[in-house]
Amino acid sequence: MQYRPLGRTGVRVSPLCLGAMMFGPWGNSDRRDSIRIIHAALEAGINFVDTADVYSGGISEEIVGEALKGRRDDVVLATKFFMPMDEDEPNHRGGSRRWIIREVENSLRRLGTDHIDLYQVHRPSPDTDVEETLGALSDLVHQGKVRYIGSSSYAASQIVEAQWASRARNLERFVTEQPPYSILVRGIEADVLPTIQRHGMGALSYSPLSGGWLSGRWRKDAASSPTSSARPSARFDMSTPANQRKLDAVEDLAQLAEQTGISLIELAIAFVINHPAITSAIVGPRTMEQLESYLPAADLTLSPDLLDRIDQIVAPGVTINPDDNSYGAHELTPSARRRGDRSAG
């Protein structure tokens, strides 16, 4: 694999990042099999692993930690905080200093390491000052528990606000952003990706297969609709015009991939990592077969002609179903821009 610079940190990472969300009860409950998948990814040249405290209630971090024993120094290890870790305790979540200082210790313990290479805020918080979050994270960097810090699913305005606060308050700055991005979800091309580039950040995009839409699993002639309790149903309701348009796009993309001589999965992932602003695409296999289907994309370069043909199917900067933007990056939806965030009150 050709390794890429992680923003301006001087660290180099693989174009595919191994996402660990499916390791544990949320996906693959066989710990040994999950560890085999992680080892296979490392053997294939992936040196970047991303997990989160909330994945399977911390079990994902435990599995990653066990898999990296004896290999820790060769891996850029990323994890995230913010999501509720206890539904009954209102302070076991969020971006407060109180929670960050406590939760980093839990992640370090589960991961079996004394430092986290990249510690990320899993989602922006409308009711927490960004200086509160950055101040706590800066302290962790100064203590050596964290090397770098990053954000996830931030709107362009929130990225700029955080960068400004870091400079104004002399705090550590976010060196990466983790946005959703795929052929079907291109909204971030309009403002988020240019903002990331302008501030010299690395972009670690998640969901390159658009929640399975670009895996080839669901087609227009499928007998049943996809279902997922972990995602908003509006993203998978096949009766909506937006999702019908997505099915049409998937058909066209599948035919384009076949004409090109590659799989739809390879086309989808290669499209993401061929964008000049994208550092690494996060792929989250549940099985060894899924990992093996992702790996060839790391070495694919899509021609300008092929990229133009993709643009004819889904135009640059367009997300076919606006509900896909609201999966984390809610401020990108037209309704949110018109009405504002009333949940913060």
Protein backbone atom coordinates (compact mmCIF):
# COMPACT_ATOMS: atom_id res chain seq x y z
CA MET A 1 0.00 0.00 0.00
CA GLN A 2 1.02 3.58 -0.60
CA TYR A 3 0.93 5.31 2.79
CA ARG A 4 -0.41 8.83 3.06
CA PRO A 5 0.28 11.78 5.36
CA LEU A 6 -2.19 12.16 8.22
CA GLY A 7 -2.81 15.87 7.83
CA ARG A 8 0.34 17.75 8.83
CA THR A 9 1.27 15.48 11.73
CA GLY A 10 4.16 13.77 9.93
CA VAL A 11 2.46 10.40 10.56
CA ARG A 12 1.73 8.21 7.54
CA VAL A 13 -1.25 5.86 7.35
CA SER A 14 -2.72 3.36 4.93
CA PRO A 15 -5.48 4.46 2.52
CA LEU A 16 -7.76 1.92 4.18
CA CYS A 17 -8.39 2.24 7.90
CA LEU A 18 -9.71 -0.83 9.71
CA GLY A 19 -12.93 0.14 11.45
CA ALA A 20 -13.68 -2.00 14.49
CA MET A 21 -17.39 -1.30 15.00
CA MET A 22 -18.35 -4.83 13.95
CA PHE A 23 -15.97 -6.57 16.37
CA GLY A 24 -18.08 -7.64 19.34
CA PRO A 25 -21.80 -8.30 19.89
CA TRP A 26 -22.82 -5.54 17.46
CA GLY A 27 -21.42 -7.64 14.62
CA ASN A 28 -19.03 -10.56 15.14
CA SER A 29 -19.31 -11.95 18.66
CA ASP A 30 -16.51 -14.48 18.05
CA ARG A 31 -13.52 -12.74 19.61
CA ARG A 32 -10.97 -15.10 18.10
CA ASP A 33 -12.37 -14.62 14.63
CA SER A 34 -12.39 -10.85 15.10
CA ILE A 35 -8.74 -10.96 16.13
CA ARG A 36 -7.92 -13.06 13.05
CA ILE A 37 -9.54 -10.41 10.87
CA ILE A 38 -7.50 -7.66 12.53
CA HIS A 39 -4.28 -9.63 12.07
CA ALA A 40 -5.13 -10.28 8.41
CA ALA A 41 -5.66 -6.55 7.87
CA LEU A 42 -2.28 -5.78 9.42
CA GLU A 43 -0.59 -8.43 7.29
CA ALA A 44 -2.17 -6.84 4.21
CA GLY A 45 -0.50 -3.54 5.01
CA ILE A 46 -3.19 -1.68 6.93
CA ASN A 47 -1.50 0.23 9.75
CA PHE A 48 -4.46 2.29 10.90
CA VAL A 49 -7.22 1.02 13.24
CA ASP A 50 -10.25 3.00 14.37
CA THR A 51 -12.66 2.04 17.14
CA ALA A 52 -14.80 3.79 19.79
CA ASP A 53 -15.69 3.32 23.42
CA VAL A 54 -19.37 2.83 22.59
CA TYR A 55 -18.89 0.00 20.09
CA SER A 56 -20.40 -3.07 21.74
CA GLY A 57 -20.19 -1.24 25.06
CA GLY A 58 -16.37 -1.28 25.11
CA ILE A 59 -15.89 -4.84 23.91
CA SER A 60 -14.60 -3.65 20.53
CA GLU A 61 -11.80 -1.75 22.27
CA GLU A 62 -10.97 -4.87 24.30
CA ILE A 63 -10.76 -7.01 21.15
CA VAL A 64 -8.57 -4.46 19.39
CA GLY A 65 -6.30 -4.24 22.42
CA GLU A 66 -5.92 -8.01 22.56
CA ALA A 67 -5.22 -8.20 18.82
CA LEU A 68 -2.51 -5.52 19.01
CA LYS A 69 -0.48 -7.17 21.78
CA GLY A 70 3.10 -7.26 20.52
CA ARG A 71 2.18 -5.11 17.51
CA ARG A 72 1.11 -1.88 19.17
CA ASP A 73 4.06 0.22 18.01
CA ASP A 74 3.40 -0.63 14.36
CA VAL A 75 -0.20 0.62 14.40
CA VAL A 76 -1.74 4.08 14.44
CA LEU A 77 -4.53 3.50 16.95
CA ALA A 78 -7.60 5.71 16.98
CA THR A 79 -10.65 5.65 19.21
CA LYS A 80 -13.54 7.96 20.00
CA PHE A 81 -15.63 9.21 22.91
CA PHE A 82 -18.91 11.11 23.30
CA MET A 83 -21.75 8.61 22.87
CA PRO A 84 -23.68 7.45 25.98
CA MET A 85 -21.92 4.67 27.86
CA ASP A 86 -24.72 4.40 30.42
CA GLU A 87 -28.26 5.28 29.39
CA ASP A 88 -29.28 5.94 33.01
CA GLU A 89 -26.38 8.27 33.83
CA PRO A 90 -26.57 11.65 32.06
CA ASN A 91 -22.89 12.48 32.66
CA HIS A 92 -21.45 9.27 31.21
CA ARG A 93 -21.34 10.86 27.76
CA GLY A 94 -20.57 14.04 25.91
CA GLY A 95 -17.64 16.40 25.53
CA SER A 96 -17.26 17.74 29.06
CA ARG A 97 -13.91 17.79 30.85
CA ARG A 98 -15.48 15.70 33.59
CA TRP A 99 -16.31 12.87 31.20
CA ILE A 100 -13.26 13.06 28.92
CA ILE A 101 -10.76 12.80 31.78
CA ARG A 102 -12.59 9.77 33.14
CA GLU A 103 -13.39 8.00 29.88
CA VAL A 104 -9.90 8.18 28.41
CA GLU A 105 -8.71 6.04 31.32
CA ASN A 106 -11.40 3.47 30.53
CA SER A 107 -10.38 3.35 26.87
CA LEU A 108 -6.69 3.04 27.74
CA ARG A 109 -7.49 0.13 30.03
CA ARG A 110 -9.67 -1.66 27.50
CA LEU A 111 -7.14 -1.11 24.72
CA GLY A 112 -4.28 -2.32 26.91
CA THR A 113 -2.05 0.62 26.03
CA ASP A 114 -0.56 3.67 27.71
CA HIS A 115 -1.42 6.06 24.88
CA ILE A 116 -3.94 6.64 22.10
CA ASP A 117 -2.56 7.94 18.83
CA LEU A 118 -5.74 9.71 17.73
CA TYR A 119 -8.51 10.54 20.22
CA GLN A 120 -11.66 11.80 18.51
CA VAL A 121 -14.90 13.50 19.53
CA HIS A 122 -17.52 11.15 18.09
CA ARG A 123 -20.08 13.92 17.48
CA PRO A 124 -20.33 17.69 17.96
CA SER A 125 -22.24 18.94 20.97
CA PRO A 126 -24.45 22.03 20.65
CA ASP A 127 -24.57 22.55 24.42
CA THR A 128 -20.86 22.23 25.25
CA ASP A 129 -18.28 24.97 24.65
CA VAL A 130 -15.67 23.76 22.20
CA GLU A 131 -13.02 25.27 24.50
CA GLU A 132 -14.21 22.91 27.25
CA THR A 133 -13.58 19.89 25.06
CA LEU A 134 -10.34 21.17 23.53
CA GLY A 135 -8.96 22.16 26.93
CA ALA A 136 -9.44 18.67 28.36
CA LEU A 137 -8.01 17.03 25.25
CA SER A 138 -5.01 19.37 25.31
CA ASP A 139 -4.25 18.29 28.85
CA LEU A 140 -4.31 14.64 27.75
CA VAL A 141 -1.84 15.42 24.96
CA HIS A 142 0.47 17.21 27.42
CA GLN A 143 0.25 14.22 29.77
CA GLY A 144 1.29 11.86 26.96
CA LYS A 145 -1.94 9.83 27.11
CA VAL A 146 -3.01 11.06 23.69
CA ARG A 147 -0.82 11.98 20.70
CA TYR A 148 -3.31 13.79 18.46
CA ILE A 149 -6.96 14.80 18.59
CA GLY A 150 -9.71 14.79 15.97
CA SER A 151 -13.40 15.36 15.35
CA SER A 152 -16.16 13.36 13.68
CA SER A 153 -19.28 14.44 11.77
CA TYR A 154 -18.59 18.15 12.25
CA ALA A 155 -20.15 20.66 9.87
CA ALA A 156 -17.76 23.03 8.11
CA SER A 157 -18.69 25.87 10.47
CA GLN A 158 -17.94 23.70 13.50
CA ILE A 159 -14.56 22.74 12.06
CA VAL A 160 -13.69 26.40 11.59
CA GLU A 161 -14.92 27.29 15.09
CA ALA A 162 -12.74 24.59 16.64
CA GLN A 163 -9.67 25.66 14.66
CA TRP A 164 -10.23 29.28 15.67
CA ALA A 165 -10.65 28.36 19.34
CA SER A 166 -7.42 26.34 19.29
CA ARG A 167 -5.44 29.27 17.94
CA ALA A 168 -7.13 31.90 20.11
CA ARG A 169 -6.77 29.89 23.34
CA ASN A 170 -3.43 28.24 22.53
CA LEU A 171 -4.98 24.78 22.69
CA GLU A 172 -4.25 21.59 20.76
CA ARG A 173 -6.14 21.56 17.49
CA PHE A 174 -8.11 18.87 15.72
CA VAL A 175 -5.77 17.39 13.12
CA THR A 176 -8.39 15.13 11.54
CA GLU A 177 -12.10 15.06 10.76
CA GLN A 178 -14.14 11.90 10.25
CA PRO A 179 -17.11 12.57 7.94
CA PRO A 180 -19.56 10.24 6.17
CA TYR A 181 -18.70 9.95 2.47
CA SER A 182 -19.63 7.69 -0.42
CA ILE A 183 -20.79 7.90 -4.02
CA LEU A 184 -24.36 8.20 -2.73
CA VAL A 185 -23.51 10.67 0.05
CA ARG A 186 -21.47 13.48 -1.52
CA GLY A 187 -22.76 16.48 0.43
CA ILE A 188 -19.44 17.07 2.17
CA GLU A 189 -17.77 17.83 -1.17
CA ALA A 190 -19.49 21.23 -1.11
CA ASP A 191 -18.01 22.62 2.10
CA VAL A 192 -16.64 20.10 4.60
CA LEU A 193 -13.87 18.68 2.41
CA PRO A 194 -12.65 22.10 1.19
CA THR A 195 -12.60 23.27 4.82
CA ILE A 196 -10.59 20.21 5.85
CA GLN A 197 -8.08 20.91 3.11
CA ARG A 198 -7.87 24.60 3.96
CA HIS A 199 -6.90 23.78 7.55
CA GLY A 200 -4.43 21.04 6.63
CA MET A 201 -6.44 18.30 8.34
CA GLY A 202 -6.61 14.62 7.50
CA ALA A 203 -9.99 13.23 6.44
CA LEU A 204 -10.94 9.74 7.63
CA SER A 205 -14.22 9.07 5.89
CA TYR A 206 -16.65 6.50 7.23
CA SER A 207 -19.36 4.43 5.52
CA PRO A 208 -17.79 4.28 2.03
CA LEU A 209 -20.38 1.61 1.16
CA SER A 210 -23.18 3.90 2.38
CA GLY A 211 -24.43 1.55 5.06
CA GLY A 212 -24.40 -1.44 2.70
CA TRP A 213 -26.15 0.24 -0.22
CA LEU A 214 -22.99 -0.06 -2.35
CA SER A 215 -22.15 -3.60 -1.34
CA GLY A 216 -24.36 -5.10 -4.03
CA ARG A 217 -26.59 -6.56 -1.35
CA TRP A 218 -29.69 -4.55 -2.25
CA ARG A 219 -30.81 -4.13 -5.85
CA LYS A 220 -34.04 -3.10 -7.55
CA ASP A 221 -35.10 -6.71 -8.04
CA ALA A 222 -34.40 -7.67 -4.40
CA ALA A 223 -37.20 -9.57 -2.71
CA SER A 224 -36.96 -7.69 0.57
CA SER A 225 -35.90 -4.32 1.89
CA PRO A 226 -32.80 -3.81 4.04
CA THR A 227 -33.39 -3.38 7.75
CA SER A 228 -31.13 -2.13 10.49
CA SER A 229 -32.08 -1.26 14.06
CA ALA A 230 -28.80 0.68 14.42
CA ARG A 231 -29.65 3.25 11.73
CA PRO A 232 -32.58 5.61 11.06
CA SER A 233 -35.29 3.75 9.16
CA ALA A 234 -35.72 6.64 6.72
CA ARG A 235 -32.38 5.68 5.20
CA PHE A 236 -33.71 2.22 4.30
CA ASP A 237 -37.42 2.76 3.61
CA MET A 238 -37.73 1.55 0.03
CA SER A 239 -41.09 3.24 -0.44
CA THR A 240 -39.60 6.74 -0.45
CA PRO A 241 -38.77 8.46 -3.75
CA ALA A 242 -35.27 9.33 -2.47
CA ASN A 243 -34.42 5.70 -1.80
CA GLN A 244 -35.90 4.66 -5.13
CA ARG A 245 -33.47 7.11 -6.73
CA LYS A 246 -30.68 5.51 -4.72
CA LEU A 247 -31.66 2.09 -6.06
CA ASP A 248 -31.56 3.49 -9.60
CA ALA A 249 -28.09 4.91 -8.94
CA VAL A 250 -26.88 1.61 -7.49
CA GLU A 251 -28.06 -0.21 -10.64
CA ASP A 252 -26.16 2.21 -12.86
CA LEU A 253 -23.05 2.01 -10.67
CA ALA A 254 -23.16 -1.80 -10.63
CA GLN A 255 -23.27 -1.84 -14.43
CA LEU A 256 -20.42 0.66 -14.59
CA ALA A 257 -18.31 -1.49 -12.26
CA GLU A 258 -19.02 -4.58 -14.35
CA GLN A 259 -18.03 -2.75 -17.53
CA THR A 260 -14.81 -1.63 -15.82
CA GLY A 261 -13.97 -5.15 -14.67
CA ILE A 262 -14.11 -4.52 -10.93
CA SER A 263 -16.67 -5.18 -8.22
CA LEU A 264 -19.16 -2.55 -7.03
CA ILE A 265 -17.45 -2.66 -3.62
CA GLU A 266 -14.07 -1.93 -5.15
CA LEU A 267 -15.51 0.91 -7.24
CA ALA A 268 -17.19 2.46 -4.20
CA ILE A 269 -14.16 2.36 -1.91
CA ALA A 270 -11.73 3.43 -4.64
CA PHE A 271 -13.97 6.40 -5.43
CA VAL A 272 -13.62 7.61 -1.83
CA ILE A 273 -9.86 7.24 -1.50
CA ASN A 274 -9.29 8.77 -4.95
CA HIS A 275 -10.58 12.11 -3.67
CA PRO A 276 -7.56 14.36 -2.99
CA ALA A 277 -8.95 15.50 0.38
CA ILE A 278 -9.46 11.97 1.73
CA THR A 279 -6.63 10.47 3.73
CA SER A 280 -8.16 7.10 4.51
CA ALA A 281 -11.49 5.33 4.09
CA ILE A 282 -12.72 3.45 7.15
CA VAL A 283 -13.87 -0.06 6.25
CA GLY A 284 -15.65 -2.11 8.90
CA PRO A 285 -15.66 -5.82 8.06
CA ARG A 286 -17.66 -8.29 10.08
CA THR A 287 -16.16 -11.33 8.36
CA MET A 288 -12.88 -12.29 6.73
CA GLU A 289 -14.65 -12.48 3.37
CA GLN A 290 -15.76 -8.87 3.69
CA LEU A 291 -12.22 -7.73 4.52
CA GLU A 292 -10.87 -9.58 1.49
CA SER A 293 -13.44 -7.89 -0.74
CA TYR A 294 -12.33 -4.45 0.47
CA LEU A 295 -8.56 -4.82 0.15
CA PRO A 296 -8.17 -4.61 -3.67
CA ALA A 297 -9.60 -1.08 -3.65
CA ALA A 298 -6.48 0.23 -1.89
CA ASP A 299 -4.47 -0.17 -5.09
CA LEU A 300 -7.06 1.09 -7.57
CA THR A 301 -6.74 4.41 -9.38
CA LEU A 302 -9.91 5.54 -11.12
CA SER A 303 -9.41 7.27 -14.45
CA PRO A 304 -10.79 10.76 -15.07
CA ASP A 305 -13.21 9.25 -17.59
CA LEU A 306 -14.52 6.77 -15.03
CA LEU A 307 -14.90 9.52 -12.41
CA ASP A 308 -16.83 11.59 -14.96
CA ARG A 309 -19.20 8.70 -15.55
CA ILE A 310 -19.77 8.37 -11.80
CA ASP A 311 -20.51 12.12 -11.68
CA GLN A 312 -23.18 11.60 -14.33
CA ILE A 313 -24.90 9.09 -12.05
CA VAL A 314 -24.54 11.11 -8.83
CA ALA A 315 -23.50 14.72 -9.29
CA PRO A 316 -20.65 16.19 -7.19
CA GLY A 317 -21.79 17.64 -3.89
CA VAL A 318 -25.14 15.82 -4.02
CA THR A 319 -26.53 13.43 -1.43
CA ILE A 320 -29.44 11.60 -3.04
CA ASN A 321 -31.34 11.07 0.21
CA PRO A 322 -30.94 14.01 2.64
CA ASP A 323 -31.59 11.63 5.54
CA ASP A 324 -28.14 10.18 4.87
CA ASN A 325 -26.58 13.54 5.72
CA SER A 326 -28.46 13.64 8.99
CA TYR A 327 -26.68 10.47 10.12
CA GLY A 328 -24.36 12.39 12.45
CA ALA A 329 -23.78 15.47 10.31
CA HIS A 330 -27.30 16.80 10.92
CA GLU A 331 -26.42 20.41 10.19
CA LEU A 332 -25.93 19.55 6.52
CA THR A 333 -29.65 19.00 5.93
CA PRO A 334 -31.73 21.81 4.40
CA SER A 335 -34.36 21.54 7.15
CA ALA A 336 -31.74 22.03 9.86
CA ARG A 337 -30.35 25.08 8.12
CA ARG A 338 -33.84 26.61 7.88
CA ARG A 339 -35.09 25.91 11.38
CA GLY A 340 -31.92 25.60 13.44
CA ASP A 341 -31.25 23.05 16.17
CA ARG A 342 -34.19 23.15 18.55
CA SER A 343 -32.95 20.14 20.50
CA ALA A 344 -30.28 22.25 22.19
CA GLY A 345 -32.80 24.29 24.13
